[in-house]
Protein backbone atom coordinates (compact mmCIF):
# COMPACT_ATOMS: atom_id res chain seq x y z
CA UNK A 1 -27.79 -18.51 33.52
CA UNK A 2 -26.78 -21.97 32.33
CA UNK A 3 -30.42 -22.78 31.51
CA UNK A 4 -30.67 -19.56 29.51
CA UNK A 5 -27.50 -20.44 27.60
CA UNK A 6 -28.85 -23.93 26.89
CA UNK A 7 -32.13 -22.45 25.71
CA UNK A 8 -30.27 -19.98 23.49
CA UNK A 9 -28.12 -22.76 22.07
CA UNK A 10 -31.19 -24.88 21.38
CA UNK A 11 -32.82 -21.94 19.57
CA UNK A 12 -29.68 -21.43 17.49
CA UNK A 13 -29.61 -25.13 16.69
CA UNK A 14 -33.25 -25.01 15.62
CA UNK A 15 -32.53 -21.99 13.40
CA UNK A 16 -29.53 -23.74 11.90
CA UNK A 17 -31.62 -26.84 11.38
CA UNK A 18 -34.37 -24.81 9.73
CA UNK A 19 -31.86 -23.13 7.43
CA UNK A 20 -30.41 -26.53 6.52
CA UNK A 21 -33.92 -27.84 5.83
CA UNK A 22 -34.64 -24.82 3.64
CA UNK A 23 -31.43 -25.45 1.70
CA UNK A 24 -32.36 -29.11 1.28
CA UNK A 25 -35.85 -28.22 0.06
CA UNK A 26 -34.38 -25.65 -2.30
CA UNK A 27 -31.93 -28.21 -3.66
CA UNK A 28 -34.72 -30.76 -4.09
CA UNK A 29 -36.79 -28.19 -5.99
CA UNK A 30 -33.85 -27.46 -8.26
CA UNK A 31 -33.37 -31.17 -8.86
CA UNK A 32 -37.03 -31.51 -9.79
CA UNK A 33 -36.73 -28.59 -12.23
CA UNK A 34 -33.79 -30.26 -13.98
CA UNK A 35 -34.76 -32.08 -17.14
CA UNK A 36 -32.87 -35.35 -17.32
CA UNK A 37 -31.46 -36.55 -20.60
CA UNK A 38 -33.12 -39.45 -22.37
CA UNK A 39 -31.52 -42.56 -23.83
CA UNK A 40 -33.07 -41.67 -27.19
CA UNK A 41 -30.80 -39.46 -29.31
CA UNK A 42 -33.63 -37.83 -31.27
CA UNK A 43 -35.47 -37.02 -28.04
CA UNK A 44 -32.41 -35.27 -26.61
CA UNK A 45 -31.92 -33.22 -29.78
CA UNK A 46 -35.61 -32.25 -29.70
CA UNK A 47 -35.30 -31.04 -26.09
CA UNK A 48 -32.33 -28.85 -27.07
CA UNK A 49 -34.10 -27.35 -30.08
CA UNK A 50 -37.25 -26.77 -28.01
CA UNK A 51 -35.27 -24.72 -25.50
CA UNK A 52 -33.04 -22.81 -27.94
CA UNK A 53 -35.39 -22.73 -30.92
CA UNK A 54 -34.49 -23.28 -34.55
CA UNK A 55 -31.79 -20.63 -34.62
CA UNK A 56 -29.51 -20.42 -37.69
CA UNK A 57 -26.37 -20.45 -35.53
CA UNK A 58 -27.33 -23.68 -33.71
CA UNK A 59 -25.35 -26.34 -35.55
CA UNK A 60 -26.27 -30.06 -35.31
CA UNK A 61 -24.01 -32.61 -37.00
CA UNK A 62 -25.25 -36.23 -37.15
CA UNK A 63 -22.50 -38.88 -37.14
CA UNK A 64 -22.19 -42.66 -37.49
CA UNK A 65 -19.18 -43.70 -35.43
CA UNK A 66 -17.39 -46.99 -34.92
CA UNK A 67 -19.50 -50.04 -33.94
CA UNK A 68 -22.35 -48.40 -35.92
CA UNK A 69 -23.16 -46.05 -33.02
CA UNK A 70 -25.31 -43.04 -33.83
CA UNK A 71 -24.15 -39.73 -32.38
CA UNK A 72 -24.70 -35.99 -32.78
CA UNK A 73 -22.41 -33.01 -32.30
CA UNK A 74 -24.10 -29.76 -31.21
CA UNK A 75 -22.46 -26.34 -31.02
CA UNK A 76 -23.15 -22.65 -31.59
CA UNK A 77 -21.44 -21.13 -34.62
CA UNK A 78 -19.28 -18.12 -33.76
CA UNK A 79 -18.74 -19.17 -30.17
CA UNK A 80 -16.60 -22.21 -30.95
CA UNK A 81 -13.23 -22.65 -32.62
CA UNK A 82 -13.80 -24.08 -36.13
CA UNK A 83 -10.48 -25.93 -36.14
CA UNK A 84 -11.24 -27.51 -32.76
CA UNK A 85 -14.69 -28.62 -33.98
CA UNK A 86 -13.23 -30.16 -37.16
CA UNK A 87 -10.63 -31.99 -35.09
CA UNK A 88 -13.38 -33.17 -32.77
CA UNK A 89 -15.41 -34.59 -35.68
CA UNK A 90 -12.39 -36.35 -37.17
CA UNK A 91 -11.46 -37.89 -33.81
CA UNK A 92 -15.01 -39.18 -33.32
CA UNK A 93 -15.15 -40.74 -36.79
CA UNK A 94 -11.77 -42.44 -36.37
CA UNK A 95 -11.65 -46.04 -35.15
CA UNK A 96 -10.48 -46.35 -31.51
CA UNK A 97 -7.14 -48.00 -30.82
CA UNK A 98 -7.32 -51.74 -30.19
CA UNK A 99 -7.41 -52.73 -26.55
CA UNK A 100 -5.55 -55.72 -25.16
CA UNK A 101 -7.45 -58.95 -24.63
CA UNK A 102 -7.03 -58.81 -20.86
CA UNK A 103 -8.91 -55.49 -20.63
CA UNK A 104 -12.67 -55.42 -20.55
CA UNK A 105 -14.33 -54.04 -23.63
CA UNK A 106 -15.22 -50.37 -23.26
CA UNK A 107 -18.64 -48.96 -24.03
CA UNK A 108 -18.88 -46.48 -26.93
CA UNK A 109 -19.62 -43.66 -24.44
CA UNK A 110 -16.51 -44.34 -22.33
CA UNK A 111 -14.39 -44.80 -25.43
CA UNK A 112 -15.49 -41.42 -26.82
CA UNK A 113 -15.10 -39.59 -23.53
CA UNK A 114 -11.81 -41.01 -22.32
CA UNK A 115 -9.97 -42.02 -25.51
CA UNK A 116 -11.31 -40.53 -28.71
CA UNK A 117 -11.95 -36.80 -28.15
CA UNK A 118 -8.92 -34.77 -29.14
CA UNK A 119 -9.55 -31.79 -26.83
CA UNK A 120 -8.15 -30.73 -23.50
CA UNK A 121 -11.29 -30.29 -21.40
CA UNK A 122 -14.05 -32.91 -21.27
CA UNK A 123 -16.84 -33.37 -18.71
CA UNK A 124 -19.97 -35.53 -18.34
CA UNK A 125 -23.42 -33.90 -18.27
CA UNK A 126 -26.61 -35.37 -16.85
CA UNK A 127 -29.38 -32.84 -17.58
CA UNK A 128 -30.61 -30.72 -20.44
CA UNK A 129 -29.95 -27.59 -18.34
CA UNK A 130 -26.26 -28.44 -18.12
CA UNK A 131 -26.20 -29.11 -21.88
CA UNK A 132 -27.71 -25.70 -22.65
CA UNK A 133 -25.36 -23.84 -20.30
CA UNK A 134 -22.33 -25.63 -21.73
CA UNK A 135 -23.37 -24.78 -25.29
CA UNK A 136 -23.94 -21.12 -24.42
CA UNK A 137 -20.44 -21.00 -22.95
CA UNK A 138 -18.99 -22.09 -26.31
CA UNK A 139 -18.52 -25.82 -25.67
CA UNK A 140 -19.43 -28.56 -28.13
CA UNK A 141 -21.88 -31.23 -26.98
CA UNK A 142 -21.60 -34.89 -27.95
CA UNK A 143 -24.80 -36.97 -27.69
CA UNK A 144 -24.77 -40.76 -28.18
CA UNK A 145 -27.79 -42.88 -28.89
CA UNK A 146 -28.64 -45.24 -26.04
CA UNK A 147 -27.01 -43.20 -23.25
CA UNK A 148 -28.58 -40.80 -20.74
CA UNK A 149 -25.47 -38.66 -20.50
CA UNK A 150 -23.83 -36.07 -22.73
CA UNK A 151 -20.21 -35.01 -23.17
CA UNK A 152 -19.13 -31.34 -23.13
CA UNK A 153 -15.90 -30.77 -25.04
CA UNK A 154 -14.04 -27.48 -24.55
CA UNK A 155 -13.94 -25.82 -27.98
CA UNK A 156 -14.54 -22.18 -27.00
CA UNK A 157 -13.33 -19.84 -29.70
CA UNK A 158 -15.01 -16.42 -29.39
CA UNK A 159 -13.08 -13.60 -31.03
CA UNK A 160 -10.84 -12.02 -28.38
CA UNK A 161 -9.05 -8.71 -28.18
CA UNK A 162 -5.31 -9.11 -27.88
CA UNK A 163 -3.34 -7.81 -24.90
CA UNK A 164 -2.71 -4.11 -25.48
CA UNK A 165 -1.58 -1.05 -23.54
CA UNK A 166 -4.22 0.22 -21.06
CA UNK A 167 -6.12 3.24 -22.34
CA UNK A 168 -7.12 4.72 -18.97
CA UNK A 169 -3.95 4.15 -16.90
CA UNK A 170 -0.92 5.06 -18.96
CA UNK A 171 2.59 5.27 -17.52
CA UNK A 172 5.91 6.50 -18.89
CA UNK A 173 7.91 3.72 -17.27
CA UNK A 174 6.40 0.34 -16.52
CA UNK A 175 4.71 -2.64 -18.19
CA UNK A 176 2.61 -1.79 -21.24
CA UNK A 177 0.21 -4.74 -21.02
CA UNK A 178 -3.39 -4.40 -19.93
CA UNK A 179 -6.36 -6.62 -19.18
CA UNK A 180 -8.75 -7.71 -21.93
CA UNK A 181 -12.42 -8.76 -21.95
CA UNK A 182 -11.57 -12.46 -21.52
CA UNK A 183 -11.51 -13.89 -18.00
CA UNK A 184 -8.92 -16.63 -18.60
CA UNK A 185 -6.50 -14.20 -20.24
CA UNK A 186 -6.83 -11.80 -17.31
CA UNK A 187 -6.24 -14.48 -14.69
CA UNK A 188 -3.25 -15.72 -16.69
CA UNK A 189 -1.81 -12.17 -16.70
CA UNK A 190 -2.11 -12.09 -12.91
CA UNK A 191 -0.48 -15.53 -12.55
CA UNK A 192 2.31 -14.36 -14.83
CA UNK A 193 3.06 -11.59 -12.32
CA UNK A 194 2.69 -13.72 -9.16
CA UNK A 195 4.16 -17.19 -9.68
CA UNK A 196 3.26 -18.44 -6.23
CA UNK A 197 1.27 -21.37 -4.90
CA UNK A 198 -0.33 -18.99 -2.38
CA UNK A 199 -2.25 -17.25 -5.18
CA UNK A 200 -5.82 -18.53 -4.89
CA UNK A 201 -8.66 -18.13 -7.43
CA UNK A 202 -12.30 -19.00 -6.79
CA UNK A 203 -14.83 -18.95 -9.64
CA UNK A 204 -18.51 -18.06 -9.33
CA UNK A 205 -21.34 -17.66 -11.86
CA UNK A 206 -23.63 -14.66 -11.27
CA UNK A 207 -26.63 -13.54 -13.31
CA UNK A 208 -29.64 -15.67 -14.16
CA UNK A 209 -29.67 -14.62 -17.81
CA UNK A 210 -26.06 -13.66 -18.57
CA UNK A 211 -24.45 -16.32 -16.33
CA UNK A 212 -21.32 -14.22 -16.04
CA UNK A 213 -18.25 -15.94 -14.63
CA UNK A 214 -16.24 -14.01 -12.06
CA UNK A 215 -13.02 -14.89 -10.26
CA UNK A 216 -12.23 -13.99 -6.66
CA UNK A 217 -8.43 -13.70 -6.40
CA UNK A 218 -6.42 -13.34 -3.18
CA UNK A 219 -3.15 -14.37 -1.57
CA UNK A 220 -3.39 -17.05 1.10
CA UNK A 221 -1.42 -16.08 4.19
CA UNK A 222 -1.51 -12.35 3.32
CA UNK A 223 -5.20 -11.50 2.88
CA UNK A 224 -7.44 -11.61 5.95
CA UNK A 225 -9.62 -14.73 5.89
CA UNK A 226 -12.52 -12.91 7.58
CA UNK A 227 -12.58 -10.35 4.78
CA UNK A 228 -12.51 -13.12 2.17
CA UNK A 229 -15.44 -14.84 3.90
CA UNK A 230 -17.36 -11.56 3.87
CA UNK A 231 -16.68 -11.13 0.14
CA UNK A 232 -17.94 -14.66 -0.54
CA UNK A 233 -21.09 -13.92 1.45
CA UNK A 234 -21.81 -10.68 -0.42
CA UNK A 235 -21.21 -12.30 -3.80
CA UNK A 236 -23.53 -15.18 -2.92
CA UNK A 237 -26.27 -12.70 -1.99
CA UNK A 238 -26.30 -11.09 -5.46
CA UNK A 239 -29.60 -11.99 -7.14
CA UNK A 240 -29.88 -10.34 -10.56
CA UNK A 241 -30.53 -11.16 -14.17
CA UNK A 242 -27.38 -9.68 -15.67
CA UNK A 243 -23.79 -8.79 -14.87
CA UNK A 244 -22.33 -6.98 -17.89
CA UNK A 245 -19.46 -5.11 -16.25
CA UNK A 246 -17.56 -5.02 -12.97
CA UNK A 247 -19.46 -1.87 -12.02
CA UNK A 248 -22.52 -4.07 -11.37
CA UNK A 249 -20.55 -6.09 -8.82
CA UNK A 250 -19.11 -2.92 -7.28
CA UNK A 251 -22.54 -1.49 -6.46
CA UNK A 252 -23.81 -4.78 -5.07
CA UNK A 253 -20.97 -5.43 -2.61
CA UNK A 254 -19.79 -1.97 -1.51
CA UNK A 255 -20.29 -1.02 2.15
CA UNK A 256 -22.16 2.25 1.59
CA UNK A 257 -24.32 3.25 -1.37
CA UNK A 258 -24.94 6.97 -0.93
CA UNK A 259 -21.44 8.39 -1.15
CA UNK A 260 -19.57 10.16 -3.99
CA UNK A 261 -16.30 8.51 -2.97
CA UNK A 262 -15.36 5.13 -4.50
CA UNK A 263 -15.13 2.28 -1.99
CA UNK A 264 -13.57 -0.16 -4.47
CA UNK A 265 -10.67 0.46 -6.79
CA UNK A 266 -10.68 -0.59 -10.44
CA UNK A 267 -7.63 -1.10 -12.60
CA UNK A 268 -6.73 -2.12 -16.14
CA UNK A 269 -3.15 -2.96 -15.24
CA UNK A 270 -2.03 -6.47 -14.18
CA UNK A 271 0.96 -5.03 -12.30
CA UNK A 272 -1.30 -2.77 -10.20
CA UNK A 273 -3.58 -5.70 -9.35
CA UNK A 274 -0.61 -7.90 -8.47
CA UNK A 275 0.77 -5.17 -6.19
CA UNK A 276 -2.59 -4.90 -4.44
CA UNK A 277 -2.80 -8.66 -3.91
CA UNK A 278 0.68 -8.69 -2.40
CA UNK A 279 -0.41 -6.01 0.09
CA UNK A 280 -3.43 -7.96 1.35
CA UNK A 281 -6.16 -6.82 -1.01
CA UNK A 282 -8.44 -9.13 -2.96
CA UNK A 283 -9.37 -8.78 -6.64
CA UNK A 284 -12.58 -9.56 -8.50
CA UNK A 285 -12.11 -10.36 -12.19
CA UNK A 286 -15.32 -10.24 -14.25
CA UNK A 287 -15.61 -11.94 -17.62
CA UNK A 288 -16.40 -9.41 -20.36
CA UNK A 289 -14.58 -6.34 -18.98
CA UNK A 290 -10.92 -5.28 -18.69
CA UNK A 291 -11.52 -3.48 -15.37
CA UNK A 292 -10.62 -5.54 -12.30
CA UNK A 293 -11.92 -4.56 -8.85
CA UNK A 294 -9.59 -4.23 -5.87
CA UNK A 295 -10.58 -3.96 -2.20
CA UNK A 296 -10.32 -3.07 0.63
CA UNK A 297 -9.16 0.44 -0.28
CA UNK A 298 -8.35 3.63 1.56
CA UNK A 299 -8.58 7.26 0.51
CA UNK A 300 -4.86 7.60 -0.19
CA UNK A 301 -4.85 4.53 -2.48
CA UNK A 302 -6.55 6.56 -5.23
CA UNK A 303 -3.60 8.97 -5.40
CA UNK A 304 -0.98 6.26 -5.90
CA UNK A 305 0.11 5.28 -9.38
CA UNK A 306 1.98 2.19 -10.53
CA UNK A 307 4.72 4.42 -11.84
CA UNK A 308 5.44 5.67 -8.30
CA UNK A 309 7.18 2.37 -7.61
CA UNK A 310 9.11 2.15 -10.87
CA UNK A 311 11.15 5.34 -10.50
CA UNK A 312 13.18 7.06 -7.80
CA UNK A 313 11.45 7.68 -4.49
CA UNK A 314 12.15 11.44 -4.45
CA UNK A 315 10.52 11.93 -7.85
CA UNK A 316 7.58 9.75 -6.82
CA UNK A 317 7.12 11.78 -3.63
CA UNK A 318 7.12 15.06 -5.58
CA UNK A 319 4.51 13.77 -8.05
CA UNK A 320 2.32 12.37 -5.27
CA UNK A 321 2.28 15.75 -3.46
CA UNK A 322 1.27 17.38 -6.75
CA UNK A 323 -1.65 14.93 -7.02
CA UNK A 324 -2.95 15.77 -3.55
CA UNK A 325 -2.60 19.49 -4.27
CA UNK A 326 -4.43 19.08 -7.59
CA UNK A 327 -7.28 17.20 -5.89
CA UNK A 328 -7.89 19.96 -3.36
CA UNK A 329 -7.46 22.63 -6.05
CA UNK A 330 -10.03 21.00 -8.35
CA UNK A 331 -12.44 20.73 -5.41
CA UNK A 332 -11.91 24.11 -3.71
CA UNK A 333 -10.54 26.70 -6.16
CA UNK A 334 -13.83 27.93 -7.73
CA UNK A 335 -15.56 28.11 -4.33
CA UNK A 336 -12.64 30.07 -2.81
CA UNK A 337 -12.76 32.53 -5.72
CA UNK A 338 -16.53 32.96 -5.27
CA UNK A 339 -16.26 33.46 -1.51
CA UNK A 340 -13.45 36.01 -1.68
CA UNK A 341 -14.87 38.09 -4.55
CA UNK A 342 -18.37 38.08 -3.01
CA UNK A 343 -17.87 38.38 0.77
CA UNK A 344 -14.19 38.77 1.67
CA UNK A 345 -12.66 41.31 -0.73
CA UNK A 346 -10.39 42.59 2.07
CA UNK A 347 -8.38 39.34 1.84
CA UNK A 348 -7.02 40.32 -1.59
CA UNK A 349 -4.13 42.70 -2.23
CA UNK A 350 -5.25 46.11 -3.44
CA UNK A 351 -3.81 45.83 -6.94
CA UNK A 352 -5.30 42.37 -7.50
CA UNK A 353 -8.69 43.54 -6.15
CA UNK A 354 -8.71 46.51 -8.52
CA UNK A 355 -7.80 44.25 -11.47
CA UNK A 356 -10.59 41.76 -10.69
CA UNK A 357 -13.11 44.57 -10.10
CA UNK A 358 -12.22 46.10 -13.47
CA UNK A 359 -12.74 42.76 -15.23
CA UNK A 360 -16.11 42.24 -13.54
CA UNK A 361 -17.34 45.77 -14.23
CA UNK A 362 -19.46 44.78 -17.22
CA UNK A 363 -20.43 41.26 -16.06
CA UNK A 364 -24.19 41.17 -15.32
CA UNK A 365 -24.13 38.02 -13.13
CA UNK A 366 -22.88 37.47 -9.58
CA UNK A 367 -19.77 35.35 -9.11
CA UNK A 368 -21.77 32.21 -8.21
CA UNK A 369 -23.90 32.29 -11.39
CA UNK A 370 -20.81 33.15 -13.44
CA UNK A 371 -18.91 30.16 -12.05
CA UNK A 372 -21.90 27.86 -12.51
CA UNK A 373 -22.22 28.83 -16.19
CA UNK A 374 -18.52 28.19 -16.85
CA UNK A 375 -18.40 24.91 -14.90
CA UNK A 376 -21.53 23.47 -16.53
CA UNK A 377 -20.26 24.55 -19.96
CA UNK A 378 -16.93 22.83 -19.36
CA UNK A 379 -18.64 19.65 -18.13
CA UNK A 380 -20.72 19.58 -21.33
CA UNK A 381 -17.58 20.05 -23.44
CA UNK A 382 -15.80 17.31 -21.50
CA UNK A 383 -18.68 14.88 -22.00
CA UNK A 384 -18.91 15.79 -25.70
CA UNK A 385 -15.19 15.11 -26.11
CA UNK A 386 -15.59 11.67 -24.53
CA UNK A 387 -18.68 10.65 -26.56
CA UNK A 388 -17.59 12.02 -29.93
CA UNK A 389 -15.53 9.82 -32.29
CA UNK A 390 -11.85 9.66 -31.36
CA UNK A 391 -10.69 11.54 -34.43
CA UNK A 392 -12.77 14.67 -33.86
CA UNK A 393 -13.47 14.41 -30.14
CA UNK A 394 -10.31 16.14 -28.82
CA UNK A 395 -10.56 18.83 -31.51
CA UNK A 396 -14.17 19.61 -30.59
CA UNK A 397 -13.42 19.88 -26.87
CA UNK A 398 -10.27 22.00 -27.20
CA UNK A 399 -11.55 24.33 -29.93
CA UNK A 400 -14.94 24.60 -28.24
CA UNK A 401 -13.39 25.55 -24.91
CA UNK A 402 -11.12 28.19 -26.49
CA UNK A 403 -13.80 29.70 -28.71
CA UNK A 404 -16.53 29.73 -26.08
CA UNK A 405 -14.23 31.08 -23.37
CA UNK A 406 -12.88 33.91 -25.50
CA UNK A 407 -16.33 34.74 -26.87
CA UNK A 408 -17.87 34.78 -23.38
CA UNK A 409 -15.18 37.22 -22.14
CA UNK A 410 -15.60 39.52 -25.15
CA UNK A 411 -19.38 39.44 -24.78
CA UNK A 412 -19.09 40.46 -21.14
CA UNK A 413 -20.86 37.38 -19.79
CA UNK A 414 -17.90 36.20 -17.67
CA UNK A 415 -14.65 37.72 -16.49
CA UNK A 416 -11.22 36.65 -17.68
CA UNK A 417 -10.22 35.71 -14.12
CA UNK A 418 -13.13 33.25 -13.91
CA UNK A 419 -12.03 31.61 -17.16
CA UNK A 420 -8.54 31.18 -15.71
CA UNK A 421 -9.90 29.67 -12.47
CA UNK A 422 -12.19 27.21 -14.26
CA UNK A 423 -9.46 26.20 -16.73
CA UNK A 424 -6.92 25.53 -13.98
CA UNK A 425 -9.55 23.58 -12.04
CA UNK A 426 -10.26 21.40 -15.06
CA UNK A 427 -6.57 20.73 -15.67
CA UNK A 428 -6.03 19.86 -11.99
CA UNK A 429 -8.86 17.29 -12.11
CA UNK A 430 -7.02 15.38 -14.85
CA UNK A 431 -3.94 14.93 -12.64
CA UNK A 432 -5.73 12.52 -10.27
CA UNK A 433 -4.82 8.93 -11.30
CA UNK A 434 -8.26 7.52 -10.42
CA UNK A 435 -11.15 8.60 -12.63
CA UNK A 436 -13.65 7.76 -9.87
CA UNK A 437 -11.93 10.03 -7.35
CA UNK A 438 -11.73 12.81 -9.95
CA UNK A 439 -15.48 12.47 -10.53
CA UNK A 440 -16.09 12.72 -6.78
CA UNK A 441 -14.12 15.99 -6.69
CA UNK A 442 -16.23 17.32 -9.58
CA UNK A 443 -19.47 16.56 -7.73
CA UNK A 444 -18.30 18.06 -4.44
CA UNK A 445 -17.09 21.17 -6.28
CA UNK A 446 -20.67 22.23 -7.10
CA UNK A 447 -21.80 21.77 -3.47
CA UNK A 448 -18.92 23.90 -2.18
CA UNK A 449 -19.63 26.57 -4.81
CA UNK A 450 -23.23 26.90 -3.58
CA UNK A 451 -22.07 27.09 0.06
CA UNK A 452 -19.42 29.68 -0.84
CA UNK A 453 -21.94 31.84 -2.74
CA UNK A 454 -24.33 31.68 0.22
CA UNK A 455 -22.15 31.85 3.34
CA UNK A 456 -18.67 32.72 2.08
CA UNK A 457 -15.58 31.11 3.62
CA UNK A 458 -17.67 29.90 6.57
CA UNK A 459 -19.80 27.90 4.15
CA UNK A 460 -16.68 26.30 2.66
CA UNK A 461 -15.42 25.36 6.13
CA UNK A 462 -18.80 23.89 7.05
CA UNK A 463 -18.82 21.87 3.82
CA UNK A 464 -15.30 20.57 4.47
CA UNK A 465 -16.30 19.54 7.99
CA UNK A 466 -19.26 17.58 6.61
CA UNK A 467 -17.04 15.90 4.02
CA UNK A 468 -14.43 15.02 6.66
CA UNK A 469 -17.11 13.58 8.95
CA UNK A 470 -18.49 11.54 6.06
CA UNK A 471 -15.03 10.22 5.17
CA UNK A 472 -14.39 9.24 8.78
CA UNK A 473 -17.55 7.13 8.80
CA UNK A 474 -16.77 5.24 5.59
CA UNK A 475 -15.47 1.67 5.63
CA UNK A 476 -14.23 -0.56 2.87
CA UNK A 477 -14.81 -4.15 4.02
CA UNK A 478 -14.13 -3.12 7.59
CA UNK A 479 -11.05 -0.98 6.86
CA UNK A 480 -11.37 2.73 7.84
CA UNK A 481 -11.39 4.87 4.70
CA UNK A 482 -8.96 7.46 6.11
CA UNK A 483 -6.43 4.89 7.39
CA UNK A 484 -3.55 5.12 8.15
CA UNK A 485 -4.19 8.79 9.00
CA UNK A 486 -7.36 8.22 11.05
CA UNK A 487 -6.87 5.97 12.91
CA UNK A 488 -3.18 6.80 12.92
CA UNK A 489 -0.89 3.91 12.01
CA UNK A 490 2.67 5.33 12.09
CA UNK A 491 4.20 2.29 10.42
CA UNK A 492 2.04 2.76 7.31
CA UNK A 493 2.92 6.43 6.75
CA UNK A 494 5.93 5.44 4.66
CA UNK A 495 3.74 5.19 1.56
CA UNK A 496 1.03 7.87 1.98
CA UNK A 497 2.05 11.46 1.19
CA UNK A 498 5.63 10.43 0.51
CA UNK A 499 7.24 7.22 -0.68
CA UNK A 500 10.32 6.09 1.14
CA UNK A 501 12.93 3.97 -0.70
CA UNK A 502 12.05 0.34 -1.34
CA UNK A 503 14.66 -0.95 1.09
CA UNK A 504 12.94 1.00 3.91
CA UNK A 505 9.52 -0.60 3.33
CA UNK A 506 10.27 -3.87 5.11
CA UNK A 507 6.64 -4.58 6.01
CA UNK A 508 3.39 -4.51 4.10
CA UNK A 509 0.70 -1.96 5.03
CA UNK A 510 -1.25 -3.36 7.97
CA UNK A 511 -4.87 -3.11 6.83
CA UNK A 512 -6.42 -5.33 9.51
CA UNK A 513 -5.84 -6.00 13.17
CA UNK A 514 -5.36 -9.75 12.67
CA UNK A 515 -3.48 -9.59 9.36
CA UNK A 516 -0.61 -12.06 9.06
CA UNK A 517 2.31 -12.20 6.69
CA UNK A 518 3.27 -8.53 7.07
CA UNK A 519 6.99 -8.99 6.48
CA UNK A 520 7.82 -8.13 2.88
CA UNK A 521 11.62 -8.18 2.69
CA UNK A 522 14.81 -8.48 4.68
CA UNK A 523 17.11 -5.82 6.01
CA UNK A 524 19.68 -4.56 3.51
CA UNK A 525 21.78 -3.09 6.33
CA UNK A 526 22.91 -6.59 7.27
CA UNK A 527 24.08 -7.08 3.71
CA UNK A 528 25.96 -3.79 3.87
CA UNK A 529 27.58 -4.75 7.15
CA UNK A 530 28.57 -8.11 5.69
CA UNK A 531 30.15 -6.39 2.69
CA UNK A 532 32.07 -4.04 5.01
CA UNK A 533 33.26 -6.98 7.11
CA UNK A 534 34.45 -8.80 4.01
CA UNK A 535 36.27 -5.66 2.88
CA UNK A 536 37.97 -5.27 6.25
CA UNK A 537 38.96 -8.95 6.31
CA UNK A 538 40.34 -8.66 2.80
CA UNK A 539 42.42 -5.64 3.83
CA UNK A 540 43.77 -7.43 6.90
CA UNK A 541 44.76 -10.45 4.82
CA UNK A 542 46.54 -8.24 2.34
């Protein structure tokens, strides 16, 4: 047994050594592919123009600085701040301050890099690849004749959208600020909510062509380190040309691909992201989109709104129950109507059955086809309302739904009861806070309608069993999707179907077995007892 263990260890060591050798060879290949800068200024400028071409927005400014040194400033118009570039030029043309006689005389390169440039961020570059990437990020490049290095000065100035109210997650009471398309603004909004040294941010660049910067954000001491390591591994495995939105990242790193249910949560609200971080989740902020990803998530997370925690717990509990009811209504109501009117008419009261039969007397289609026509028509109207211009979009969708519904009833194509069922289903789908979960309910609705039209209530029950089995098998970075219901975690039920008062939620939801830092707040009862003791002592003294 010991020999087998030694042999296994030697094999593992060989594999590790081979992987290290592969990494070394890959790094050496990358180093060979890097084009080093030349000491000739004109040669460096030629290499830049050869790579980028003679584009009209590539600006090259030749300068003669102090000590008769030749230099060039390169930047891309529109991606840099004009005022910062002008300040940069003026600082380079100005004479450097006189140094004391005891100090050694500085070279022009060191003087420019460490003393002359009037910008906040400056870094040294060694290759033409680094120069090109820095320029495409909006930095200005300083090249000096006689030196094999370049200087990247931070002068990024792309037009940015200001912080505004989120358009997809509105609340009556709560902060009105939302994320923008700029990464640094979004991370600053998160830091503004969580002013703690435990807040950690790790930056990565993904996408060979777009070179999109993303930030992995988590709370040290609260988030599980194993989950963070798994996220790093999945992000490092992404090999693609472009990342244009956080949805790209979501599909690359989610646990299961073929599922209608979202396995990562997205949010436009800094307060929602901060709340998730403080409960042990991690966030992925992608440059170029206002939607930030949150994970791990559970099924019940998609029915919680930020506003639930900004108002009284009894009102929040009532609204949360309405959301769950609306989800099941939007998913099941048309299929239940189809099953009862087609196979189980005896389940209806006599008067209601007579009323529905009278409405359907002139309808030429069975209930399944009738429901399919109305549902597909409403989905088309919904999509048209989203894609049309904002001014006329709502009018088209509302007027179209009213006109088409009334005309279809008068023409005898559908019954009035079916119009009511489809309309209530559509309204119920809008109650769900998460758009992704609402879309999942819309997709499942069609499957249940087909099962109801084929097998009746038994088909609906079979479909629900399949959905429940599928949900039980889902994981979000190792966390069961139906937690804390299955597996049952009694301590986490305080914030599932109901929300208990804030003073009763002393611990964070326990998402992982080895999660640390679960204590969220102290016990207010001790404060109450202290107040009572002080009151009694005051009475005794009096």
